[in-house]
PDB file of N, CA and C in Angstrom:
ATOM      1  N   UNK A   1     -57.895 -27.852 -24.242  1.00  0.00           N
ATOM      2  CA  UNK A   1     -57.888 -29.338 -23.325  1.00  0.00           C
ATOM      3  C   UNK A   1     -58.709 -29.755 -24.314  1.00  0.00           C
ATOM      4  N   UNK A   2     -58.528 -31.228 -24.634  1.00  0.00           N
ATOM      5  CA  UNK A   2     -59.340 -31.976 -25.399  1.00  0.00           C
ATOM      6  C   UNK A   2     -60.697 -32.618 -25.030  1.00  0.00           C
ATOM      7  N   UNK A   3     -61.463 -32.313 -26.171  1.00  0.00           N
ATOM      8  CA  UNK A   3     -62.970 -32.806 -25.659  1.00  0.00           C
ATOM      9  C   UNK A   3     -62.958 -35.037 -25.597  1.00  0.00           C
ATOM     10  N   UNK A   4     -63.665 -34.819 -24.040  1.00  0.00           N
ATOM     11  CA  UNK A   4     -63.935 -36.418 -24.264  1.00  0.00           C
ATOM     12  C   UNK A   4     -64.106 -37.526 -25.222  1.00  0.00           C
ATOM     13  N   UNK A   5     -63.509 -38.248 -25.658  1.00  0.00           N
ATOM     14  CA  UNK A   5     -63.861 -39.119 -27.023  1.00  0.00           C
ATOM     15  C   UNK A   5     -64.630 -40.127 -26.237  1.00  0.00           C
ATOM     16  N   UNK A   6     -63.974 -41.160 -25.526  1.00  0.00           N
ATOM     17  CA  UNK A   6     -64.817 -42.661 -25.397  1.00  0.00           C
ATOM     18  C   UNK A   6     -63.688 -43.246 -23.996  1.00  0.00           C
ATOM     19  N   UNK A   7     -64.197 -44.277 -23.346  1.00  0.00           N
ATOM     20  CA  UNK A   7     -63.578 -44.747 -22.137  1.00  0.00           C
ATOM     21  C   UNK A   7     -64.350 -44.212 -20.807  1.00  0.00           C
ATOM     22  N   UNK A   8     -63.594 -44.679 -19.854  1.00  0.00           N
ATOM     23  CA  UNK A   8     -64.013 -44.270 -18.249  1.00  0.00           C
ATOM     24  C   UNK A   8     -62.853 -43.954 -17.399  1.00  0.00           C
ATOM     25  N   UNK A   9     -63.120 -43.170 -16.805  1.00  0.00           N
ATOM     26  CA  UNK A   9     -61.690 -42.885 -16.359  1.00  0.00           C
ATOM     27  C   UNK A   9     -62.445 -42.597 -14.788  1.00  0.00           C
ATOM     28  N   UNK A  10     -61.999 -43.371 -13.879  1.00  0.00           N
ATOM     29  CA  UNK A  10     -62.571 -43.308 -12.644  1.00  0.00           C
ATOM     30  C   UNK A  10     -61.645 -43.379 -11.684  1.00  0.00           C
ATOM     31  N   UNK A  11     -62.327 -42.955 -10.523  1.00  0.00           N
ATOM     32  CA  UNK A  11     -61.277 -42.549  -9.059  1.00  0.00           C
ATOM     33  C   UNK A  11     -61.917 -43.419  -7.695  1.00  0.00           C
ATOM     34  N   UNK A  12     -60.831 -44.137  -6.954  1.00  0.00           N
ATOM     35  CA  UNK A  12     -61.574 -45.484  -6.042  1.00  0.00           C
ATOM     36  C   UNK A  12     -62.836 -45.777  -6.817  1.00  0.00           C
ATOM     37  N   UNK A  13     -62.499 -46.517  -7.946  1.00  0.00           N
ATOM     38  CA  UNK A  13     -63.929 -47.242  -8.508  1.00  0.00           C
ATOM     39  C   UNK A  13     -65.312 -46.125  -8.623  1.00  0.00           C
ATOM     40  N   UNK A  14     -65.599 -45.581  -7.699  1.00  0.00           N
ATOM     41  CA  UNK A  14     -66.607 -44.538  -7.620  1.00  0.00           C
ATOM     42  C   UNK A  14     -67.243 -43.424  -8.546  1.00  0.00           C
ATOM     43  N   UNK A  15     -65.992 -42.610  -8.181  1.00  0.00           N
ATOM     44  CA  UNK A  15     -65.733 -41.264  -8.803  1.00  0.00           C
ATOM     45  C   UNK A  15     -65.338 -40.924 -10.408  1.00  0.00           C
ATOM     46  N   UNK A  16     -66.252 -40.574 -10.825  1.00  0.00           N
ATOM     47  CA  UNK A  16     -66.291 -40.505 -12.010  1.00  0.00           C
ATOM     48  C   UNK A  16     -64.923 -39.394 -12.791  1.00  0.00           C
ATOM     49  N   UNK A  17     -64.388 -39.158 -13.097  1.00  0.00           N
ATOM     50  CA  UNK A  17     -62.749 -37.928 -14.099  1.00  0.00           C
ATOM     51  C   UNK A  17     -63.394 -37.589 -15.117  1.00  0.00           C
ATOM     52  N   UNK A  18     -64.126 -38.201 -15.623  1.00  0.00           N
ATOM     53  CA  UNK A  18     -64.596 -37.335 -16.954  1.00  0.00           C
ATOM     54  C   UNK A  18     -65.257 -35.962 -16.843  1.00  0.00           C
ATOM     55  N   UNK A  19     -65.479 -35.400 -15.625  1.00  0.00           N
ATOM     56  CA  UNK A  19     -66.280 -34.316 -15.448  1.00  0.00           C
ATOM     57  C   UNK A  19     -64.538 -33.487 -15.033  1.00  0.00           C
ATOM     58  N   UNK A  20     -64.965 -31.877 -15.767  1.00  0.00           N
ATOM     59  CA  UNK A  20     -63.482 -30.667 -14.964  1.00  0.00           C
ATOM     60  C   UNK A  20     -63.455 -30.573 -14.020  1.00  0.00           C
ATOM     61  N   UNK A  21     -62.185 -30.315 -13.483  1.00  0.00           N
ATOM     62  CA  UNK A  21     -61.704 -30.345 -12.158  1.00  0.00           C
ATOM     63  C   UNK A  21     -62.602 -29.273 -11.586  1.00  0.00           C
ATOM     64  N   UNK A  22     -63.544 -28.357 -12.315  1.00  0.00           N
ATOM     65  CA  UNK A  22     -64.326 -27.352 -11.823  1.00  0.00           C
ATOM     66  C   UNK A  22     -65.455 -27.794 -11.215  1.00  0.00           C
ATOM     67  N   UNK A  23     -65.862 -29.115 -12.136  1.00  0.00           N
ATOM     68  CA  UNK A  23     -67.023 -29.526 -11.528  1.00  0.00           C
ATOM     69  C   UNK A  23     -67.498 -30.499 -11.240  1.00  0.00           C
ATOM     70  N   UNK A  24     -65.900 -30.842  -9.777  1.00  0.00           N
ATOM     71  CA  UNK A  24     -66.028 -32.046  -9.582  1.00  0.00           C
ATOM     72  C   UNK A  24     -66.260 -31.781  -8.045  1.00  0.00           C
ATOM     73  N   UNK A  25     -66.677 -32.581  -7.159  1.00  0.00           N
ATOM     74  CA  UNK A  25     -66.966 -32.843  -5.441  1.00  0.00           C
ATOM     75  C   UNK A  25     -65.744 -32.134  -4.704  1.00  0.00           C
ATOM     76  N   UNK A  26     -65.937 -31.634  -3.548  1.00  0.00           N
ATOM     77  CA  UNK A  26     -64.355 -30.887  -2.810  1.00  0.00           C
ATOM     78  C   UNK A  26     -63.915 -31.917  -2.677  1.00  0.00           C
ATOM     79  N   UNK A  27     -64.950 -32.874  -1.698  1.00  0.00           N
ATOM     80  CA  UNK A  27     -64.558 -34.621  -1.509  1.00  0.00           C
ATOM     81  C   UNK A  27     -63.455 -35.091  -2.271  1.00  0.00           C
ATOM     82  N   UNK A  28     -63.806 -34.979  -3.743  1.00  0.00           N
ATOM     83  CA  UNK A  28     -62.904 -35.497  -4.880  1.00  0.00           C
ATOM     84  C   UNK A  28     -61.773 -34.708  -4.814  1.00  0.00           C
ATOM     85  N   UNK A  29     -61.668 -33.587  -4.994  1.00  0.00           N
ATOM     86  CA  UNK A  29     -60.572 -32.516  -5.057  1.00  0.00           C
ATOM     87  C   UNK A  29     -59.766 -32.277  -4.109  1.00  0.00           C
ATOM     88  N   UNK A  30     -60.258 -33.162  -2.189  1.00  0.00           N
ATOM     89  CA  UNK A  30     -59.624 -33.694  -1.443  1.00  0.00           C
ATOM     90  C   UNK A  30     -58.368 -34.518  -1.548  1.00  0.00           C
ATOM     91  N   UNK A  31     -59.379 -35.656  -2.137  1.00  0.00           N
ATOM     92  CA  UNK A  31     -58.855 -36.848  -2.021  1.00  0.00           C
ATOM     93  C   UNK A  31     -57.520 -36.767  -3.449  1.00  0.00           C
ATOM     94  N   UNK A  32     -57.641 -35.951  -4.398  1.00  0.00           N
ATOM     95  CA  UNK A  32     -56.936 -36.287  -5.495  1.00  0.00           C
ATOM     96  C   UNK A  32     -55.384 -34.968  -5.065  1.00  0.00           C
ATOM     97  N   UNK A  33     -54.522 -35.702  -4.644  1.00  0.00           N
ATOM     98  CA  UNK A  33     -54.057 -34.581  -4.521  1.00  0.00           C
ATOM     99  C   UNK A  33     -52.663 -34.463  -5.360  1.00  0.00           C
ATOM    100  N   UNK A  34     -51.554 -34.028  -6.174  1.00  0.00           N
ATOM    101  CA  UNK A  34     -51.011 -34.014  -7.160  1.00  0.00           C
ATOM    102  C   UNK A  34     -49.228 -33.813  -6.286  1.00  0.00           C
ATOM    103  N   UNK A  35     -47.932 -34.757  -6.737  1.00  0.00           N
ATOM    104  CA  UNK A  35     -47.172 -34.565  -5.933  1.00  0.00           C
ATOM    105  C   UNK A  35     -46.366 -34.224  -7.551  1.00  0.00           C
ATOM    106  N   UNK A  36     -45.922 -32.763  -8.054  1.00  0.00           N
ATOM    107  CA  UNK A  36     -44.836 -32.484  -9.424  1.00  0.00           C
ATOM    108  C   UNK A  36     -43.761 -33.011  -8.836  1.00  0.00           C
ATOM    109  N   UNK A  37     -42.556 -33.257  -9.949  1.00  0.00           N
ATOM    110  CA  UNK A  37     -41.609 -33.268  -9.954  1.00  0.00           C
ATOM    111  C   UNK A  37     -40.666 -32.297 -10.288  1.00  0.00           C
ATOM    112  N   UNK A  38     -41.259 -31.451 -10.444  1.00  0.00           N
ATOM    113  CA  UNK A  38     -40.971 -30.072 -10.136  1.00  0.00           C
ATOM    114  C   UNK A  38     -40.805 -28.775  -9.058  1.00  0.00           C
ATOM    115  N   UNK A  39     -40.759 -29.171  -8.266  1.00  0.00           N
ATOM    116  CA  UNK A  39     -41.529 -28.317  -7.502  1.00  0.00           C
ATOM    117  C   UNK A  39     -41.361 -27.077  -7.260  1.00  0.00           C
ATOM    118  N   UNK A  40     -40.463 -26.637  -8.457  1.00  0.00           N
ATOM    119  CA  UNK A  40     -40.340 -25.137  -8.385  1.00  0.00           C
ATOM    120  C   UNK A  40     -41.313 -24.036  -9.399  1.00  0.00           C
ATOM    121  N   UNK A  41     -42.159 -25.016 -10.086  1.00  0.00           N
ATOM    122  CA  UNK A  41     -42.850 -24.714 -10.597  1.00  0.00           C
ATOM    123  C   UNK A  41     -44.339 -24.560 -10.209  1.00  0.00           C
ATOM    124  N   UNK A  42     -44.338 -25.636  -9.557  1.00  0.00           N
ATOM    125  CA  UNK A  42     -45.906 -25.918  -8.210  1.00  0.00           C
ATOM    126  C   UNK A  42     -45.643 -24.887  -7.171  1.00  0.00           C
ATOM    127  N   UNK A  43     -44.839 -24.373  -6.821  1.00  0.00           N
ATOM    128  CA  UNK A  43     -44.719 -23.142  -5.699  1.00  0.00           C
ATOM    129  C   UNK A  43     -44.977 -21.957  -6.106  1.00  0.00           C
ATOM    130  N   UNK A  44     -46.133 -21.328  -5.432  1.00  0.00           N
ATOM    131  CA  UNK A  44     -46.327 -20.261  -5.732  1.00  0.00           C
ATOM    132  C   UNK A  44     -44.811 -19.084  -5.225  1.00  0.00           C
ATOM    133  N   UNK A  45     -44.584 -18.391  -5.873  1.00  0.00           N
ATOM    134  CA  UNK A  45     -42.830 -17.963  -5.526  1.00  0.00           C
ATOM    135  C   UNK A  45     -43.309 -16.756  -4.784  1.00  0.00           C
ATOM    136  N   UNK A  46     -45.161 -15.965  -4.406  1.00  0.00           N
ATOM    137  CA  UNK A  46     -45.473 -14.623  -4.204  1.00  0.00           C
ATOM    138  C   UNK A  46     -45.952 -15.686  -2.502  1.00  0.00           C
ATOM    139  N   UNK A  47     -45.601 -16.454  -2.108  1.00  0.00           N
ATOM    140  CA  UNK A  47     -46.970 -16.745  -0.963  1.00  0.00           C
ATOM    141  C   UNK A  47     -45.564 -17.492  -0.172  1.00  0.00           C
ATOM    142  N   UNK A  48     -45.403 -17.129   1.139  1.00  0.00           N
ATOM    143  CA  UNK A  48     -44.590 -18.161   2.173  1.00  0.00           C
ATOM    144  C   UNK A  48     -45.584 -19.184   2.364  1.00  0.00           C
ATOM    145  N   UNK A  49     -44.573 -20.236   2.644  1.00  0.00           N
ATOM    146  CA  UNK A  49     -44.640 -21.784   3.200  1.00  0.00           C
ATOM    147  C   UNK A  49     -46.238 -21.874   3.485  1.00  0.00           C
ATOM    148  N   UNK A  50     -46.245 -20.925   4.708  1.00  0.00           N
ATOM    149  CA  UNK A  50     -47.608 -21.394   5.855  1.00  0.00           C
ATOM    150  C   UNK A  50     -48.702 -20.979   4.641  1.00  0.00           C
ATOM    151  N   UNK A  51     -48.516 -19.976   3.885  1.00  0.00           N
ATOM    152  CA  UNK A  51     -49.880 -19.713   2.454  1.00  0.00           C
ATOM    153  C   UNK A  51     -49.604 -20.727   1.746  1.00  0.00           C
ATOM    154  N   UNK A  52     -48.789 -21.559   1.559  1.00  0.00           N
ATOM    155  CA  UNK A  52     -48.931 -22.775   0.374  1.00  0.00           C
ATOM    156  C   UNK A  52     -49.381 -24.119   0.995  1.00  0.00           C
ATOM    157  N   UNK A  53     -48.835 -24.688   2.352  1.00  0.00           N
ATOM    158  CA  UNK A  53     -49.267 -25.444   2.938  1.00  0.00           C
ATOM    159  C   UNK A  53     -51.072 -25.184   3.488  1.00  0.00           C
ATOM    160  N   UNK A  54     -50.994 -23.678   3.900  1.00  0.00           N
ATOM    161  CA  UNK A  54     -51.987 -23.656   4.306  1.00  0.00           C
ATOM    162  C   UNK A  54     -53.581 -23.643   3.842  1.00  0.00           C
ATOM    163  N   UNK A  55     -53.585 -23.394   2.615  1.00  0.00           N
ATOM    164  CA  UNK A  55     -54.425 -23.067   1.634  1.00  0.00           C
ATOM    165  C   UNK A  55     -54.785 -23.954   1.642  1.00  0.00           C
ATOM    166  N   UNK A  56     -55.042 -25.741   1.286  1.00  0.00           N
ATOM    167  CA  UNK A  56     -55.929 -26.726   1.058  1.00  0.00           C
ATOM    168  C   UNK A  56     -56.097 -26.986   2.570  1.00  0.00           C
ATOM    169  N   UNK A  57     -55.844 -26.434   3.618  1.00  0.00           N
ATOM    170  CA  UNK A  57     -56.216 -26.531   5.054  1.00  0.00           C
ATOM    171  C   UNK A  57     -57.214 -25.916   5.066  1.00  0.00           C
ATOM    172  N   UNK A  58     -57.214 -24.619   4.397  1.00  0.00           N
ATOM    173  CA  UNK A  58     -58.440 -23.912   4.822  1.00  0.00           C
ATOM    174  C   UNK A  58     -59.971 -24.022   3.759  1.00  0.00           C
ATOM    175  N   UNK A  59     -59.194 -24.485   2.696  1.00  0.00           N
ATOM    176  CA  UNK A  59     -60.444 -24.954   1.923  1.00  0.00           C
ATOM    177  C   UNK A  59     -60.937 -26.203   2.115  1.00  0.00           C
ATOM    178  N   UNK A  60     -60.091 -27.656   2.252  1.00  0.00           N
ATOM    179  CA  UNK A  60     -60.789 -27.911   2.224  1.00  0.00           C
ATOM    180  C   UNK A  60     -61.031 -28.839   3.637  1.00  0.00           C
ATOM    181  N   UNK A  61     -60.835 -28.108   4.351  1.00  0.00           N
ATOM    182  CA  UNK A  61     -60.831 -28.591   6.462  1.00  0.00           C
ATOM    183  C   UNK A  61     -61.494 -27.270   7.679  1.00  0.00           C
ATOM    184  N   UNK A  62     -61.505 -26.384   6.573  1.00  0.00           N
ATOM    185  CA  UNK A  62     -62.027 -24.994   7.251  1.00  0.00           C
ATOM    186  C   UNK A  62     -61.435 -24.603   8.153  1.00  0.00           C
ATOM    187  N   UNK A  63     -59.936 -24.931   8.493  1.00  0.00           N
ATOM    188  CA  UNK A  63     -59.041 -24.242   9.460  1.00  0.00           C
ATOM    189  C   UNK A  63     -58.873 -23.385   8.984  1.00  0.00           C
ATOM    190  N   UNK A  64     -58.608 -22.161  10.326  1.00  0.00           N
ATOM    191  CA  UNK A  64     -58.125 -21.211  10.388  1.00  0.00           C
ATOM    192  C   UNK A  64     -57.319 -20.734  11.717  1.00  0.00           C
ATOM    193  N   UNK A  65     -56.871 -19.625  11.814  1.00  0.00           N
ATOM    194  CA  UNK A  65     -56.073 -19.586  13.377  1.00  0.00           C
ATOM    195  C   UNK A  65     -55.144 -20.043  13.607  1.00  0.00           C
ATOM    196  N   UNK A  66     -54.870 -20.078  14.942  1.00  0.00           N
ATOM    197  CA  UNK A  66     -54.116 -21.212  15.671  1.00  0.00           C
ATOM    198  C   UNK A  66     -54.106 -22.266  15.510  1.00  0.00           C
ATOM    199  N   UNK A  67     -55.314 -22.822  14.694  1.00  0.00           N
ATOM    200  CA  UNK A  67     -55.597 -24.441  14.597  1.00  0.00           C
ATOM    201  C   UNK A  67     -54.693 -24.627  13.095  1.00  0.00           C
ATOM    202  N   UNK A  68     -54.941 -24.044  12.501  1.00  0.00           N
ATOM    203  CA  UNK A  68     -54.155 -24.097  11.085  1.00  0.00           C
ATOM    204  C   UNK A  68     -52.693 -23.276  11.211  1.00  0.00           C
ATOM    205  N   UNK A  69     -52.216 -22.860  12.130  1.00  0.00           N
ATOM    206  CA  UNK A  69     -50.689 -22.843  12.310  1.00  0.00           C
ATOM    207  C   UNK A  69     -50.316 -23.772  13.032  1.00  0.00           C
ATOM    208  N   UNK A  70     -50.948 -24.334  13.901  1.00  0.00           N
ATOM    209  CA  UNK A  70     -50.354 -25.787  14.774  1.00  0.00           C
ATOM    210  C   UNK A  70     -50.479 -27.275  13.321  1.00  0.00           C
ATOM    211  N   UNK A  71     -51.545 -27.098  12.645  1.00  0.00           N
ATOM    212  CA  UNK A  71     -51.184 -28.248  11.547  1.00  0.00           C
ATOM    213  C   UNK A  71     -50.286 -27.689  10.691  1.00  0.00           C
ATOM    214  N   UNK A  72     -50.097 -26.531  10.229  1.00  0.00           N
ATOM    215  CA  UNK A  72     -48.642 -26.503   9.112  1.00  0.00           C
ATOM    216  C   UNK A  72     -47.462 -26.467  10.217  1.00  0.00           C
ATOM    217  N   UNK A  73     -47.232 -26.401  10.673  1.00  0.00           N
ATOM    218  CA  UNK A  73     -46.120 -26.608  12.057  1.00  0.00           C
ATOM    219  C   UNK A  73     -46.280 -28.498  12.071  1.00  0.00           C
ATOM    220  N   UNK A  74     -47.055 -29.132  12.417  1.00  0.00           N
ATOM    221  CA  UNK A  74     -46.981 -30.259  12.250  1.00  0.00           C
ATOM    222  C   UNK A  74     -46.628 -31.124  10.842  1.00  0.00           C
ATOM    223  N   UNK A  75     -46.982 -29.934   9.829  1.00  0.00           N
ATOM    224  CA  UNK A  75     -46.897 -30.830   8.587  1.00  0.00           C
ATOM    225  C   UNK A  75     -45.446 -30.635   8.637  1.00  0.00           C
ATOM    226  N   UNK A  76     -44.690 -29.489   8.502  1.00  0.00           N
ATOM    227  CA  UNK A  76     -43.158 -29.515   8.184  1.00  0.00           C
ATOM    228  C   UNK A  76     -42.276 -30.085   8.740  1.00  0.00           C
ATOM    229  N   UNK A  77     -43.260 -30.425  10.423  1.00  0.00           N
ATOM    230  CA  UNK A  77     -42.336 -31.297  11.061  1.00  0.00           C
ATOM    231  C   UNK A  77     -42.161 -32.890  10.617  1.00  0.00           C
ATOM    232  N   UNK A  78     -43.677 -33.082  10.001  1.00  0.00           N
ATOM    233  CA  UNK A  78     -43.654 -34.769   9.356  1.00  0.00           C
ATOM    234  C   UNK A  78     -42.732 -34.972   8.444  1.00  0.00           C
ATOM    235  N   UNK A  79     -42.356 -33.505   7.322  1.00  0.00           N
ATOM    236  CA  UNK A  79     -41.622 -34.141   6.355  1.00  0.00           C
ATOM    237  C   UNK A  79     -40.090 -33.261   6.899  1.00  0.00           C
ATOM    238  N   UNK A  80     -39.540 -33.164   8.354  1.00  0.00           N
ATOM    239  CA  UNK A  80     -38.415 -32.937   8.859  1.00  0.00           C
ATOM    240  C   UNK A  80     -38.016 -31.331   8.415  1.00  0.00           C
ATOM    241  N   UNK A  81     -38.704 -30.705   8.436  1.00  0.00           N
ATOM    242  CA  UNK A  81     -38.569 -29.407   8.167  1.00  0.00           C
ATOM    243  C   UNK A  81     -38.955 -28.792   9.906  1.00  0.00           C
ATOM    244  N   UNK A  82     -38.087 -27.540  10.388  1.00  0.00           N
ATOM    245  CA  UNK A  82     -38.297 -26.901  11.672  1.00  0.00           C
ATOM    246  C   UNK A  82     -39.661 -25.738  11.477  1.00  0.00           C
ATOM    247  N   UNK A  83     -40.457 -25.685  11.950  1.00  0.00           N
ATOM    248  CA  UNK A  83     -41.262 -24.729  11.985  1.00  0.00           C
ATOM    249  C   UNK A  83     -40.918 -23.312  11.838  1.00  0.00           C
ATOM    250  N   UNK A  84     -39.526 -22.777  11.287  1.00  0.00           N
ATOM    251  CA  UNK A  84     -39.552 -21.553  10.713  1.00  0.00           C
ATOM    252  C   UNK A  84     -39.327 -21.448   9.766  1.00  0.00           C
ATOM    253  N   UNK A  85     -39.479 -22.782   8.795  1.00  0.00           N
ATOM    254  CA  UNK A  85     -39.404 -22.440   7.279  1.00  0.00           C
ATOM    255  C   UNK A  85     -40.978 -21.953   6.953  1.00  0.00           C
ATOM    256  N   UNK A  86     -41.753 -21.703   7.911  1.00  0.00           N
ATOM    257  CA  UNK A  86     -43.412 -21.596   7.288  1.00  0.00           C
ATOM    258  C   UNK A  86     -43.024 -19.747   6.941  1.00  0.00           C
ATOM    259  N   UNK A  87     -42.668 -19.309   7.458  1.00  0.00           N
ATOM    260  CA  UNK A  87     -42.086 -17.884   7.161  1.00  0.00           C
ATOM    261  C   UNK A  87     -41.505 -17.544   5.937  1.00  0.00           C
ATOM    262  N   UNK A  88     -40.624 -18.972   5.520  1.00  0.00           N
ATOM    263  CA  UNK A  88     -39.865 -18.115   3.938  1.00  0.00           C
ATOM    264  C   UNK A  88     -40.619 -18.491   2.661  1.00  0.00           C
ATOM    265  N   UNK A  89     -40.144 -17.840   1.843  1.00  0.00           N
ATOM    266  CA  UNK A  89     -40.537 -18.215   0.472  1.00  0.00           C
ATOM    267  C   UNK A  89     -39.704 -19.314  -0.114  1.00  0.00           C
ATOM    268  N   UNK A  90     -40.580 -19.824  -1.409  1.00  0.00           N
ATOM    269  CA  UNK A  90     -40.013 -20.889  -2.271  1.00  0.00           C
ATOM    270  C   UNK A  90     -38.351 -20.243  -2.227  1.00  0.00           C
ATOM    271  N   UNK A  91     -37.439 -19.204  -2.939  1.00  0.00           N
ATOM    272  CA  UNK A  91     -37.097 -19.137  -3.252  1.00  0.00           C
ATOM    273  C   UNK A  91     -35.802 -18.979  -2.469  1.00  0.00           C
ATOM    274  N   UNK A  92     -35.895 -18.957  -0.717  1.00  0.00           N
ATOM    275  CA  UNK A  92     -34.985 -18.651   0.133  1.00  0.00           C
ATOM    276  C   UNK A  92     -35.025 -20.378   0.184  1.00  0.00           C
ATOM    277  N   UNK A  93     -35.895 -21.622  -0.224  1.00  0.00           N
ATOM    278  CA  UNK A  93     -35.427 -22.918  -0.159  1.00  0.00           C
ATOM    279  C   UNK A  93     -34.486 -23.310  -1.271  1.00  0.00           C
ATOM    280  N   UNK A  94     -33.207 -24.372  -0.236  1.00  0.00           N
ATOM    281  CA  UNK A  94     -33.173 -25.981  -1.339  1.00  0.00           C
ATOM    282  C   UNK A  94     -34.165 -26.146  -2.112  1.00  0.00           C
ATOM    283  N   UNK A  95     -33.746 -27.139  -3.446  1.00  0.00           N
ATOM    284  CA  UNK A  95     -34.424 -27.772  -4.340  1.00  0.00           C
ATOM    285  C   UNK A  95     -34.955 -28.818  -3.429  1.00  0.00           C
ATOM    286  N   UNK A  96     -34.358 -29.825  -1.983  1.00  0.00           N
ATOM    287  CA  UNK A  96     -34.704 -30.895  -1.846  1.00  0.00           C
ATOM    288  C   UNK A  96     -35.675 -30.178  -0.406  1.00  0.00           C
ATOM    289  N   UNK A  97     -35.476 -28.962  -0.131  1.00  0.00           N
ATOM    290  CA  UNK A  97     -36.579 -28.288   0.835  1.00  0.00           C
ATOM    291  C   UNK A  97     -38.039 -27.700   0.138  1.00  0.00           C
ATOM    292  N   UNK A  98     -37.717 -27.711  -1.540  1.00  0.00           N
ATOM    293  CA  UNK A  98     -39.209 -27.405  -1.705  1.00  0.00           C
ATOM    294  C   UNK A  98     -39.770 -28.192  -2.379  1.00  0.00           C
ATOM    295  N   UNK A  99     -39.294 -29.635  -2.489  1.00  0.00           N
ATOM    296  CA  UNK A  99     -39.785 -31.006  -2.627  1.00  0.00           C
ATOM    297  C   UNK A  99     -40.254 -31.567  -1.141  1.00  0.00           C
ATOM    298  N   UNK A 100     -39.638 -31.500  -0.415  1.00  0.00           N
ATOM    299  CA  UNK A 100     -40.641 -31.558   1.129  1.00  0.00           C
ATOM    300  C   UNK A 100     -41.735 -30.896   0.860  1.00  0.00           C
ATOM    301  N   UNK A 101     -41.882 -29.535   0.739  1.00  0.00           N
ATOM    302  CA  UNK A 101     -42.616 -28.784   1.350  1.00  0.00           C
ATOM    303  C   UNK A 101     -44.234 -29.088  -0.058  1.00  0.00           C
ATOM    304  N   UNK A 102     -43.713 -29.520  -0.650  1.00  0.00           N
ATOM    305  CA  UNK A 102     -44.639 -29.652  -2.121  1.00  0.00           C
ATOM    306  C   UNK A 102     -45.487 -31.459  -1.715  1.00  0.00           C
ATOM    307  N   UNK A 103     -44.442 -32.032  -0.600  1.00  0.00           N
ATOM    308  CA  UNK A 103     -44.881 -32.999  -0.141  1.00  0.00           C
ATOM    309  C   UNK A 103     -45.905 -33.139   0.879  1.00  0.00           C
ATOM    310  N   UNK A 104     -45.728 -31.929   1.777  1.00  0.00           N
ATOM    311  CA  UNK A 104     -46.467 -31.231   3.062  1.00  0.00           C
ATOM    312  C   UNK A 104     -47.477 -31.537   2.564  1.00  0.00           C
ATOM    313  N   UNK A 105     -47.336 -30.571   0.941  1.00  0.00           N
ATOM    314  CA  UNK A 105     -48.690 -29.925   1.086  1.00  0.00           C
ATOM    315  C   UNK A 105     -49.709 -31.510   0.163  1.00  0.00           C
ATOM    316  N   UNK A 106     -49.199 -32.413   0.055  1.00  0.00           N
ATOM    317  CA  UNK A 106     -49.561 -33.818  -0.947  1.00  0.00           C
ATOM    318  C   UNK A 106     -50.356 -34.480   0.484  1.00  0.00           C
ATOM    319  N   UNK A 107     -49.139 -34.406   1.657  1.00  0.00           N
ATOM    320  CA  UNK A 107     -50.054 -34.910   2.472  1.00  0.00           C
ATOM    321  C   UNK A 107     -51.247 -34.615   3.323  1.00  0.00           C
ATOM    322  N   UNK A 108     -51.810 -33.711   3.307  1.00  0.00           N
ATOM    323  CA  UNK A 108     -52.848 -33.453   3.850  1.00  0.00           C
ATOM    324  C   UNK A 108     -54.103 -34.091   3.366  1.00  0.00           C
TER     325      UNK A 108
END
């Protein structure tokens, strides 16, 4: 990573983005979500869709158990995928389905 030289980088006019990601607040990390153009590179091939979508729910919203499962299913529904997709791995999905998973994760 290149060192910061000059200027100002802010999110929502109040959050200083000059800090490295590991020094940013949990709240700021929750607010900033990326959607990568290539979902193949952004989805962990060793994790099921439920784990991919569930990680931010556990990390930022302290969800677990049935509440987590219900929220994952709702997010899948929001991007027009059936609940059964939660048990699939990224390599079992089409490119469009992978993009929908990436969108669902970012919508959190």
